[in-house]
Amino acid sequence: MIIKNFKINKSNICTFYIKSTGHNTFISIFKETILIKNNKVKPNQKLIKIFSCGSFGFKNRKKETPFACSILANKSSLYALQNGAKYIHIIFKGINIFKKIILTTIIKTKYKNINLQILSITDVTQYPHNGM
């Protein structure tokens, strides 16, 4: 007989993966949970939602504008706040000139007088160094 002891601690921490391509920006929201099994802690991430500039009605060249990126950041942070997130980690991937606009929009977004608090900001963009 195998007995499984799983205890799930739900946290209010989300991770925003912001991927910027040449023509579009994507934000993936992951919810972090902690699994405790046999006194071993295992962090776990579950995908909640993926947003893109095209999903809000921006087409062709309008997806590359700073207005589209600010709307994308606003809607995704509102979605995270409505699902109970209070703290977020932000991970950027890709070269984009609108990183500052995305960050300021996430910081200023409120839902029922609650702001998202940023725990960490990382950039995992790979740059070539012209080596082997």
N, C-alpha and C. Protein backbone atom coordinates (compact mmCIF):
# COMPACT_ATOMS: atom_id res chain seq x y z
N MET A 1 0.84 -1.17 0.00
CA MET A 1 0.00 0.00 0.00
C MET A 1 0.89 1.24 0.00
N ILE A 2 0.66 2.11 -0.94
CA ILE A 2 1.44 3.33 -1.07
C ILE A 2 0.60 4.50 -0.58
N ILE A 3 1.15 5.23 0.35
CA ILE A 3 0.47 6.41 0.89
C ILE A 3 1.19 7.64 0.35
N LYS A 4 0.44 8.52 -0.26
CA LYS A 4 1.03 9.74 -0.81
C LYS A 4 0.64 10.91 0.06
N ASN A 5 1.63 11.59 0.57
CA ASN A 5 1.40 12.79 1.36
C ASN A 5 1.73 14.00 0.49
N PHE A 6 0.71 14.68 0.05
CA PHE A 6 0.91 15.90 -0.69
C PHE A 6 0.22 17.03 0.04
N LYS A 7 0.95 18.07 0.26
CA LYS A 7 0.38 19.26 0.85
C LYS A 7 0.72 20.41 -0.08
N ILE A 8 -0.28 21.11 -0.53
CA ILE A 8 -0.06 22.19 -1.49
C ILE A 8 -0.27 23.52 -0.78
N ASN A 9 0.76 24.34 -0.80
CA ASN A 9 0.65 25.70 -0.27
C ASN A 9 0.45 26.64 -1.45
N LYS A 10 -0.71 27.24 -1.52
CA LYS A 10 -0.96 28.19 -2.59
C LYS A 10 -0.39 29.53 -2.18
N SER A 11 0.36 30.10 -3.07
CA SER A 11 0.95 31.40 -2.78
C SER A 11 0.35 32.45 -3.71
N ASN A 12 0.62 33.67 -3.40
CA ASN A 12 0.12 34.77 -4.22
C ASN A 12 1.26 35.38 -5.02
N ILE A 13 2.15 34.52 -5.52
CA ILE A 13 3.28 34.97 -6.32
C ILE A 13 3.09 34.47 -7.75
N CYS A 14 3.25 35.38 -8.71
CA CYS A 14 3.16 35.03 -10.12
C CYS A 14 4.48 35.39 -10.81
N THR A 15 4.71 34.75 -11.95
CA THR A 15 5.87 35.05 -12.76
C THR A 15 5.39 35.51 -14.12
N PHE A 16 5.88 36.67 -14.57
CA PHE A 16 5.56 37.19 -15.89
C PHE A 16 6.75 36.92 -16.80
N TYR A 17 6.57 36.08 -17.82
CA TYR A 17 7.57 35.89 -18.85
C TYR A 17 7.19 36.78 -20.02
N ILE A 18 8.00 37.80 -20.29
CA ILE A 18 7.70 38.76 -21.35
C ILE A 18 8.66 38.49 -22.50
N LYS A 19 8.13 37.97 -23.61
CA LYS A 19 8.95 37.66 -24.77
C LYS A 19 8.66 38.69 -25.85
N SER A 20 9.71 39.34 -26.32
CA SER A 20 9.58 40.36 -27.34
C SER A 20 10.21 39.88 -28.63
N THR A 21 9.44 39.86 -29.68
CA THR A 21 9.97 39.56 -31.00
C THR A 21 10.01 40.85 -31.79
N GLY A 22 10.38 40.76 -33.03
CA GLY A 22 10.45 41.97 -33.84
C GLY A 22 9.10 42.58 -34.13
N HIS A 23 8.07 41.76 -34.14
CA HIS A 23 6.76 42.26 -34.55
C HIS A 23 5.66 42.09 -33.52
N ASN A 24 5.95 41.46 -32.38
CA ASN A 24 4.90 41.21 -31.40
C ASN A 24 5.52 41.07 -30.02
N THR A 25 4.69 41.18 -29.00
CA THR A 25 5.11 41.00 -27.62
C THR A 25 4.14 40.02 -26.95
N PHE A 26 4.69 39.06 -26.22
CA PHE A 26 3.89 38.05 -25.54
C PHE A 26 4.16 38.12 -24.04
N ILE A 27 3.11 37.97 -23.23
CA ILE A 27 3.26 37.88 -21.78
C ILE A 27 2.59 36.59 -21.33
N SER A 28 3.39 35.71 -20.72
CA SER A 28 2.88 34.46 -20.16
C SER A 28 2.87 34.60 -18.65
N ILE A 29 1.75 34.28 -18.02
CA ILE A 29 1.62 34.40 -16.57
C ILE A 29 1.61 33.00 -15.97
N PHE A 30 2.54 32.77 -15.04
CA PHE A 30 2.63 31.50 -14.33
C PHE A 30 2.32 31.72 -12.87
N LYS A 31 1.55 30.81 -12.29
CA LYS A 31 1.23 30.84 -10.86
C LYS A 31 2.17 29.87 -10.15
N GLU A 32 2.79 30.34 -9.08
CA GLU A 32 3.73 29.51 -8.34
C GLU A 32 3.02 28.84 -7.17
N THR A 33 3.20 27.53 -7.06
CA THR A 33 2.70 26.77 -5.92
C THR A 33 3.85 25.97 -5.33
N ILE A 34 3.70 25.55 -4.11
CA ILE A 34 4.74 24.80 -3.42
C ILE A 34 4.16 23.44 -3.02
N LEU A 35 4.78 22.38 -3.50
CA LEU A 35 4.37 21.02 -3.15
C LEU A 35 5.27 20.50 -2.03
N ILE A 36 4.67 19.96 -1.00
CA ILE A 36 5.44 19.38 0.10
C ILE A 36 5.12 17.89 0.14
N LYS A 37 6.14 17.07 -0.12
CA LYS A 37 5.97 15.62 -0.12
C LYS A 37 7.11 15.00 0.68
N ASN A 38 6.75 14.29 1.73
CA ASN A 38 7.73 13.63 2.60
C ASN A 38 8.78 14.61 3.11
N ASN A 39 8.32 15.77 3.55
CA ASN A 39 9.16 16.84 4.09
C ASN A 39 10.17 17.38 3.08
N LYS A 40 9.88 17.26 1.79
CA LYS A 40 10.71 17.85 0.75
C LYS A 40 9.89 18.91 0.03
N VAL A 41 10.46 20.08 -0.12
CA VAL A 41 9.76 21.20 -0.74
C VAL A 41 10.10 21.23 -2.23
N LYS A 42 9.07 21.24 -3.06
CA LYS A 42 9.26 21.30 -4.50
C LYS A 42 8.44 22.47 -5.06
N PRO A 43 9.10 23.49 -5.57
CA PRO A 43 8.34 24.57 -6.20
C PRO A 43 7.77 24.10 -7.54
N ASN A 44 6.61 24.61 -7.88
CA ASN A 44 5.92 24.19 -9.08
C ASN A 44 5.30 25.42 -9.73
N GLN A 45 5.32 25.48 -11.07
CA GLN A 45 4.71 26.58 -11.78
C GLN A 45 3.63 26.05 -12.71
N LYS A 46 2.52 26.78 -12.75
CA LYS A 46 1.39 26.39 -13.59
C LYS A 46 1.03 27.57 -14.48
N LEU A 47 0.91 27.32 -15.77
CA LEU A 47 0.56 28.37 -16.72
C LEU A 47 -0.89 28.77 -16.54
N ILE A 48 -1.11 30.08 -16.37
CA ILE A 48 -2.48 30.58 -16.20
C ILE A 48 -3.02 31.11 -17.53
N LYS A 49 -2.27 32.02 -18.15
CA LYS A 49 -2.79 32.69 -19.34
C LYS A 49 -1.63 33.23 -20.17
N ILE A 50 -1.84 33.32 -21.48
CA ILE A 50 -0.88 33.94 -22.39
C ILE A 50 -1.58 35.09 -23.10
N PHE A 51 -0.96 36.25 -23.06
CA PHE A 51 -1.48 37.44 -23.74
C PHE A 51 -0.52 37.84 -24.85
N SER A 52 -1.05 38.43 -25.91
CA SER A 52 -0.22 39.02 -26.96
C SER A 52 -0.90 40.28 -27.45
N CYS A 53 -0.14 41.09 -28.17
CA CYS A 53 -0.73 42.34 -28.68
C CYS A 53 -1.82 42.04 -29.71
N GLY A 54 -1.68 40.96 -30.45
CA GLY A 54 -2.69 40.59 -31.44
C GLY A 54 -3.99 40.15 -30.82
N SER A 55 -3.96 39.68 -29.58
CA SER A 55 -5.21 39.23 -28.94
C SER A 55 -6.09 40.39 -28.49
N PHE A 56 -5.56 41.61 -28.50
CA PHE A 56 -6.35 42.78 -28.13
C PHE A 56 -6.77 43.61 -29.34
N GLY A 57 -6.68 43.03 -30.53
CA GLY A 57 -7.19 43.69 -31.72
C GLY A 57 -6.17 44.49 -32.48
N PHE A 58 -4.91 44.47 -32.09
CA PHE A 58 -3.88 45.18 -32.84
C PHE A 58 -3.40 44.29 -33.97
N LYS A 59 -3.36 44.83 -35.16
CA LYS A 59 -2.96 44.06 -36.34
C LYS A 59 -1.77 44.73 -37.02
N ASN A 60 -0.99 43.91 -37.70
CA ASN A 60 0.14 44.32 -38.54
C ASN A 60 1.11 45.23 -37.81
N ARG A 61 1.33 46.43 -38.32
CA ARG A 61 2.34 47.34 -37.75
C ARG A 61 1.91 47.95 -36.42
N LYS A 62 0.63 47.90 -36.09
CA LYS A 62 0.16 48.50 -34.83
C LYS A 62 0.57 47.67 -33.62
N LYS A 63 0.96 46.40 -33.83
CA LYS A 63 1.42 45.56 -32.72
C LYS A 63 2.77 46.01 -32.20
N GLU A 64 3.51 46.78 -32.98
CA GLU A 64 4.86 47.21 -32.62
C GLU A 64 4.89 48.56 -31.92
N THR A 65 3.75 49.14 -31.61
CA THR A 65 3.70 50.48 -31.03
C THR A 65 3.79 50.42 -29.51
N PRO A 66 4.24 51.51 -28.88
CA PRO A 66 4.28 51.54 -27.41
C PRO A 66 2.88 51.51 -26.79
N PHE A 67 1.88 52.02 -27.49
CA PHE A 67 0.51 51.98 -26.98
C PHE A 67 0.02 50.54 -26.85
N ALA A 68 0.33 49.71 -27.84
CA ALA A 68 -0.07 48.30 -27.79
C ALA A 68 0.62 47.58 -26.64
N CYS A 69 1.89 47.90 -26.39
CA CYS A 69 2.61 47.26 -25.27
C CYS A 69 2.06 47.70 -23.93
N SER A 70 1.64 48.97 -23.82
CA SER A 70 1.09 49.43 -22.54
C SER A 70 -0.28 48.81 -22.28
N ILE A 71 -1.11 48.66 -23.31
CA ILE A 71 -2.40 48.00 -23.16
C ILE A 71 -2.20 46.53 -22.77
N LEU A 72 -1.22 45.88 -23.39
CA LEU A 72 -0.92 44.48 -23.08
C LEU A 72 -0.48 44.32 -21.63
N ALA A 73 0.40 45.20 -21.15
CA ALA A 73 0.87 45.11 -19.77
C ALA A 73 -0.25 45.41 -18.78
N ASN A 74 -1.11 46.38 -19.12
CA ASN A 74 -2.22 46.74 -18.24
C ASN A 74 -3.21 45.58 -18.10
N LYS A 75 -3.61 45.00 -19.21
CA LYS A 75 -4.60 43.91 -19.16
C LYS A 75 -4.04 42.67 -18.47
N SER A 76 -2.76 42.37 -18.70
CA SER A 76 -2.19 41.17 -18.08
C SER A 76 -2.00 41.36 -16.58
N SER A 77 -1.62 42.56 -16.15
CA SER A 77 -1.47 42.79 -14.71
C SER A 77 -2.84 42.83 -14.02
N LEU A 78 -3.87 43.35 -14.69
CA LEU A 78 -5.22 43.30 -14.13
C LEU A 78 -5.70 41.86 -13.98
N TYR A 79 -5.38 41.03 -14.95
CA TYR A 79 -5.77 39.62 -14.87
C TYR A 79 -5.08 38.93 -13.70
N ALA A 80 -3.81 39.25 -13.49
CA ALA A 80 -3.08 38.65 -12.37
C ALA A 80 -3.63 39.13 -11.04
N LEU A 81 -3.99 40.41 -10.95
CA LEU A 81 -4.56 40.94 -9.72
C LEU A 81 -5.92 40.33 -9.42
N GLN A 82 -6.72 40.11 -10.44
CA GLN A 82 -8.04 39.51 -10.24
C GLN A 82 -7.95 38.05 -9.81
N ASN A 83 -6.84 37.39 -10.13
CA ASN A 83 -6.65 36.00 -9.72
C ASN A 83 -5.88 35.87 -8.42
N GLY A 84 -5.72 36.96 -7.68
CA GLY A 84 -5.15 36.88 -6.34
C GLY A 84 -3.66 37.06 -6.24
N ALA A 85 -3.00 37.54 -7.26
CA ALA A 85 -1.55 37.74 -7.19
C ALA A 85 -1.25 39.07 -6.52
N LYS A 86 -0.23 39.09 -5.67
CA LYS A 86 0.22 40.32 -5.04
C LYS A 86 1.68 40.62 -5.35
N TYR A 87 2.46 39.57 -5.58
CA TYR A 87 3.88 39.71 -5.84
C TYR A 87 4.20 39.04 -7.17
N ILE A 88 5.12 39.66 -7.93
CA ILE A 88 5.46 39.08 -9.23
C ILE A 88 6.97 39.10 -9.44
N HIS A 89 7.42 38.13 -10.21
CA HIS A 89 8.76 38.11 -10.78
C HIS A 89 8.60 38.42 -12.26
N ILE A 90 9.49 39.23 -12.82
CA ILE A 90 9.42 39.59 -14.23
C ILE A 90 10.67 39.06 -14.92
N ILE A 91 10.48 38.33 -16.01
CA ILE A 91 11.59 37.79 -16.79
C ILE A 91 11.41 38.26 -18.23
N PHE A 92 12.37 39.04 -18.73
CA PHE A 92 12.35 39.54 -20.10
C PHE A 92 13.18 38.63 -20.99
N LYS A 93 12.70 38.40 -22.21
CA LYS A 93 13.48 37.69 -23.21
C LYS A 93 13.23 38.36 -24.55
N GLY A 94 14.28 38.78 -25.20
CA GLY A 94 14.17 39.44 -26.49
C GLY A 94 14.54 40.90 -26.41
N ILE A 95 14.91 41.43 -27.56
CA ILE A 95 15.31 42.84 -27.64
C ILE A 95 14.07 43.67 -27.95
N ASN A 96 13.74 44.58 -27.05
CA ASN A 96 12.57 45.43 -27.22
C ASN A 96 12.88 46.78 -26.60
N ILE A 97 12.45 47.84 -27.26
CA ILE A 97 12.71 49.18 -26.73
C ILE A 97 11.61 49.64 -25.78
N PHE A 98 10.58 48.81 -25.58
CA PHE A 98 9.45 49.21 -24.76
C PHE A 98 9.47 48.57 -23.37
N LYS A 99 10.62 48.12 -22.89
CA LYS A 99 10.69 47.48 -21.57
C LYS A 99 10.33 48.45 -20.46
N LYS A 100 10.76 49.69 -20.59
CA LYS A 100 10.46 50.69 -19.57
C LYS A 100 8.96 50.98 -19.52
N ILE A 101 8.32 51.05 -20.68
CA ILE A 101 6.88 51.30 -20.73
C ILE A 101 6.11 50.15 -20.10
N ILE A 102 6.54 48.93 -20.37
CA ILE A 102 5.87 47.75 -19.80
C ILE A 102 6.01 47.75 -18.28
N LEU A 103 7.22 48.05 -17.78
CA LEU A 103 7.44 48.06 -16.33
C LEU A 103 6.63 49.14 -15.63
N THR A 104 6.62 50.35 -16.18
CA THR A 104 5.87 51.43 -15.52
C THR A 104 4.36 51.16 -15.55
N THR A 105 3.87 50.53 -16.61
CA THR A 105 2.45 50.20 -16.67
C THR A 105 2.09 49.14 -15.65
N ILE A 106 2.95 48.14 -15.47
CA ILE A 106 2.68 47.09 -14.47
C ILE A 106 2.70 47.68 -13.07
N ILE A 107 3.63 48.59 -12.81
CA ILE A 107 3.73 49.20 -11.47
C ILE A 107 2.51 50.06 -11.16
N LYS A 108 2.01 50.79 -12.15
CA LYS A 108 0.92 51.74 -11.91
C LYS A 108 -0.48 51.12 -11.94
N THR A 109 -0.60 49.88 -12.37
CA THR A 109 -1.91 49.25 -12.48
C THR A 109 -2.46 48.91 -11.10
N LYS A 110 -3.71 49.31 -10.85
CA LYS A 110 -4.37 49.04 -9.57
C LYS A 110 -5.68 48.30 -9.81
N TYR A 111 -6.02 47.44 -8.85
CA TYR A 111 -7.31 46.77 -8.85
C TYR A 111 -7.78 46.73 -7.40
N LYS A 112 -8.85 47.43 -7.10
CA LYS A 112 -9.37 47.56 -5.74
C LYS A 112 -8.28 48.07 -4.79
N ASN A 113 -7.57 49.11 -5.21
CA ASN A 113 -6.49 49.76 -4.45
C ASN A 113 -5.37 48.80 -4.07
N ILE A 114 -5.11 47.80 -4.88
CA ILE A 114 -4.00 46.88 -4.66
C ILE A 114 -3.08 46.95 -5.87
N ASN A 115 -1.80 47.18 -5.61
CA ASN A 115 -0.79 47.20 -6.66
C ASN A 115 -0.02 45.88 -6.65
N LEU A 116 0.58 45.56 -7.78
CA LEU A 116 1.49 44.43 -7.83
C LEU A 116 2.86 44.88 -7.34
N GLN A 117 3.47 44.10 -6.48
CA GLN A 117 4.81 44.41 -6.00
C GLN A 117 5.80 43.50 -6.72
N ILE A 118 6.83 44.11 -7.28
CA ILE A 118 7.81 43.38 -8.07
C ILE A 118 8.90 42.86 -7.15
N LEU A 119 9.12 41.55 -7.18
CA LEU A 119 10.16 40.93 -6.36
C LEU A 119 11.50 40.90 -7.08
N SER A 120 11.49 40.61 -8.38
CA SER A 120 12.74 40.57 -9.13
C SER A 120 12.48 40.86 -10.60
N ILE A 121 13.50 41.41 -11.26
CA ILE A 121 13.46 41.66 -12.70
C ILE A 121 14.72 41.05 -13.29
N THR A 122 14.55 40.13 -14.22
CA THR A 122 15.71 39.51 -14.86
C THR A 122 15.57 39.60 -16.37
N ASP A 123 16.71 39.60 -17.05
CA ASP A 123 16.75 39.65 -18.50
C ASP A 123 17.57 38.46 -18.98
N VAL A 124 16.96 37.56 -19.72
CA VAL A 124 17.64 36.35 -20.18
C VAL A 124 17.86 36.37 -21.69
N THR A 125 17.98 37.56 -22.26
CA THR A 125 18.21 37.70 -23.69
C THR A 125 19.61 37.23 -24.02
N GLN A 126 19.73 36.43 -25.07
CA GLN A 126 21.03 35.92 -25.49
C GLN A 126 21.62 36.86 -26.53
N TYR A 127 22.83 37.31 -26.27
CA TYR A 127 23.52 38.21 -27.18
C TYR A 127 24.72 37.48 -27.79
N PRO A 128 24.94 37.60 -29.10
CA PRO A 128 26.12 36.97 -29.70
C PRO A 128 27.37 37.79 -29.40
N HIS A 129 28.47 37.08 -29.19
CA HIS A 129 29.75 37.73 -28.93
C HIS A 129 30.73 37.50 -30.07
N ASN A 130 30.23 37.00 -31.20
CA ASN A 130 31.04 36.71 -32.39
C ASN A 130 32.19 35.77 -32.09
N GLY A 131 31.95 34.82 -31.24
CA GLY A 131 32.94 33.80 -30.93
C GLY A 131 32.41 32.44 -31.31
N MET A 132 33.21 31.43 -31.05
CA MET A 132 32.76 30.09 -31.39
C MET A 132 31.99 29.49 -30.31
